[in-house]
Amino acid sequence: MERHIEISDSVLRSKIRSGKINFGGNKKLKIYGLLNCFSGKSMKRENRVFFISENEALENKYRPCGHCLKKEYKIWKKEYTQE
C-alpha cells in the first residue's frame, strides 16, 4: 500500500502505466476501487492510498467500492453480514 501524499504525481503516473498500481483506496473509509471511479477521484489526496492488487487491499482490511466494483461489493457484503 502506498499513500498518495508520499509519492509525486510523475512517479504515480509511471507506476500506473507500468502496472505497479491498479487500485485506489480511501484510508479513512477503508474502501478500495478502480482508478477511474468517480468516488475515488473526489477524495482528498491525504486520504488516498494505492494498491497493486485487490488481494493487497483485502489484506489491509479494505472493502470493495459499491460503485465501481458492484459484483465484488455484493460478495463482500454477503460474507460480512453472515459473520
C-alpha atoms as a PDB file:
ATOM      1  CA  MET A   1       0.000   0.000   0.000  1.00  0.00           C
ATOM      2  CA  GLU A   2       1.295   3.426  -0.936  1.00  0.00           C
ATOM      3  CA  ARG A   3      -0.017   6.764   0.277  1.00  0.00           C
ATOM      4  CA  HIS A   4      -0.672   9.434  -2.313  1.00  0.00           C
ATOM      5  CA  ILE A   5       0.925  12.158  -0.193  1.00  0.00           C
ATOM      6  CA  GLU A   6       4.205  10.203  -0.124  1.00  0.00           C
ATOM      7  CA  ILE A   7       4.730   9.965  -3.906  1.00  0.00           C
ATOM      8  CA  SER A   8       4.983  12.596  -6.616  1.00  0.00           C
ATOM      9  CA  ASP A   9       2.483  12.802  -9.464  1.00  0.00           C
ATOM     10  CA  SER A  10       5.109  11.799 -12.037  1.00  0.00           C
ATOM     11  CA  VAL A  11       6.090   8.697 -10.042  1.00  0.00           C
ATOM     12  CA  LEU A  12       2.410   7.863  -9.593  1.00  0.00           C
ATOM     13  CA  ARG A  13       1.719   8.070 -13.339  1.00  0.00           C
ATOM     14  CA  SER A  14       4.760   5.901 -14.026  1.00  0.00           C
ATOM     15  CA  LYS A  15       3.619   3.241 -11.564  1.00  0.00           C
ATOM     16  CA  ILE A  16       0.115   3.217 -13.037  1.00  0.00           C
ATOM     17  CA  ARG A  17       1.474   2.823 -16.592  1.00  0.00           C
ATOM     18  CA  SER A  18       3.808   0.006 -15.530  1.00  0.00           C
ATOM     19  CA  GLY A  19       1.062  -1.865 -13.643  1.00  0.00           C
ATOM     20  CA  LYS A  20       2.582  -1.349 -10.188  1.00  0.00           C
ATOM     21  CA  ILE A  21      -0.611   0.454  -9.116  1.00  0.00           C
ATOM     22  CA  ASN A  22      -4.017  -0.885 -10.180  1.00  0.00           C
ATOM     23  CA  PHE A  23      -6.446   0.169  -7.444  1.00  0.00           C
ATOM     24  CA  GLY A  24      -7.010   3.210  -5.266  1.00  0.00           C
ATOM     25  CA  GLY A  25      -8.486   3.427  -1.807  1.00  0.00           C
ATOM     26  CA  ASN A  26      -9.668   5.755   0.920  1.00  0.00           C
ATOM     27  CA  LYS A  27      -7.671   5.188   4.103  1.00  0.00           C
ATOM     28  CA  LYS A  28     -10.314   6.759   6.369  1.00  0.00           C
ATOM     29  CA  LEU A  29     -13.273   4.818   4.958  1.00  0.00           C
ATOM     30  CA  LYS A  30     -11.236   1.650   4.243  1.00  0.00           C
ATOM     31  CA  ILE A  31     -12.728   1.330   0.723  1.00  0.00           C
ATOM     32  CA  TYR A  32     -10.833   0.429  -2.472  1.00  0.00           C
ATOM     33  CA  GLY A  33     -11.844   0.654  -6.106  1.00  0.00           C
ATOM     34  CA  LEU A  34     -10.824   1.223  -9.704  1.00  0.00           C
ATOM     35  CA  LEU A  35      -8.574   4.159 -10.521  1.00  0.00           C
ATOM     36  CA  ASN A  36     -11.205   5.681 -12.819  1.00  0.00           C
ATOM     37  CA  CYS A  37     -14.034   5.544 -10.251  1.00  0.00           C
ATOM     38  CA  PHE A  38     -15.787   8.863  -9.707  1.00  0.00           C
ATOM     39  CA  SER A  39     -15.917   8.315  -5.946  1.00  0.00           C
ATOM     40  CA  GLY A  40     -12.168   7.810  -5.793  1.00  0.00           C
ATOM     41  CA  LYS A  41     -11.391  10.859  -7.875  1.00  0.00           C
ATOM     42  CA  SER A  42     -13.279  13.123  -5.473  1.00  0.00           C
ATOM     43  CA  MET A  43     -11.459  12.140  -2.264  1.00  0.00           C
ATOM     44  CA  LYS A  44      -8.781  14.231  -0.610  1.00  0.00           C
ATOM     45  CA  ARG A  45      -5.193  13.469  -1.564  1.00  0.00           C
ATOM     46  CA  GLU A  46      -4.193  12.840   2.070  1.00  0.00           C
ATOM     47  CA  ASN A  47      -6.855  10.100   2.330  1.00  0.00           C
ATOM     48  CA  ARG A  48      -5.902   8.337  -0.932  1.00  0.00           C
ATOM     49  CA  VAL A  49      -3.849   5.140  -0.980  1.00  0.00           C
ATOM     50  CA  PHE A  50      -2.901   2.804  -3.820  1.00  0.00           C
ATOM     51  CA  PHE A  51      -2.695  -0.965  -4.187  1.00  0.00           C
ATOM     52  CA  ILE A  52      -1.114  -3.260  -6.749  1.00  0.00           C
ATOM     53  CA  SER A  53      -3.942  -5.810  -6.422  1.00  0.00           C
ATOM     54  CA  GLU A  54      -7.331  -6.491  -4.894  1.00  0.00           C
ATOM     55  CA  ASN A  55      -5.687  -9.058  -2.620  1.00  0.00           C
ATOM     56  CA  GLU A  56      -3.394  -6.382  -1.209  1.00  0.00           C
ATOM     57  CA  ALA A  57      -6.401  -4.158  -0.478  1.00  0.00           C
ATOM     58  CA  LEU A  58      -8.318  -7.006   1.155  1.00  0.00           C
ATOM     59  CA  GLU A  59      -5.276  -7.996   3.236  1.00  0.00           C
ATOM     60  CA  ASN A  60      -5.208  -4.416   4.551  1.00  0.00           C
ATOM     61  CA  LYS A  61      -8.892  -4.808   5.536  1.00  0.00           C
ATOM     62  CA  TYR A  62     -10.333  -2.549   2.817  1.00  0.00           C
ATOM     63  CA  ARG A  63     -13.725  -3.343   1.295  1.00  0.00           C
ATOM     64  CA  PRO A  64     -14.695  -3.084  -2.402  1.00  0.00           C
ATOM     65  CA  CYS A  65     -16.351   0.099  -3.675  1.00  0.00           C
ATOM     66  CA  GLY A  66     -20.098  -0.227  -4.154  1.00  0.00           C
ATOM     67  CA  HIS A  67     -19.986   1.958  -7.286  1.00  0.00           C
ATOM     68  CA  CYS A  68     -17.205   0.607  -9.492  1.00  0.00           C
ATOM     69  CA  LEU A  69     -16.860  -2.915  -8.050  1.00  0.00           C
ATOM     70  CA  LYS A  70     -20.536  -3.819  -7.577  1.00  0.00           C
ATOM     71  CA  LYS A  71     -20.083  -7.566  -8.034  1.00  0.00           C
ATOM     72  CA  GLU A  72     -17.166  -7.722  -5.585  1.00  0.00           C
ATOM     73  CA  TYR A  73     -19.022  -5.476  -3.130  1.00  0.00           C
ATOM     74  CA  LYS A  74     -22.093  -7.751  -3.149  1.00  0.00           C
ATOM     75  CA  ILE A  75     -19.893 -10.775  -2.462  1.00  0.00           C
ATOM     76  CA  TRP A  76     -18.058  -8.920   0.325  1.00  0.00           C
ATOM     77  CA  LYS A  77     -21.327  -7.698   1.869  1.00  0.00           C
ATOM     78  CA  LYS A  78     -22.851 -11.170   1.809  1.00  0.00           C
ATOM     79  CA  GLU A  79     -19.796 -12.625   3.577  1.00  0.00           C
ATOM     80  CA  TYR A  80     -19.587  -9.709   6.021  1.00  0.00           C
ATOM     81  CA  THR A  81     -23.242  -9.848   7.076  1.00  0.00           C
ATOM     82  CA  GLN A  82     -23.069 -13.610   7.712  1.00  0.00           C
ATOM     83  CA  GLU A  83     -20.430 -13.198  10.426  1.00  0.00           C
END
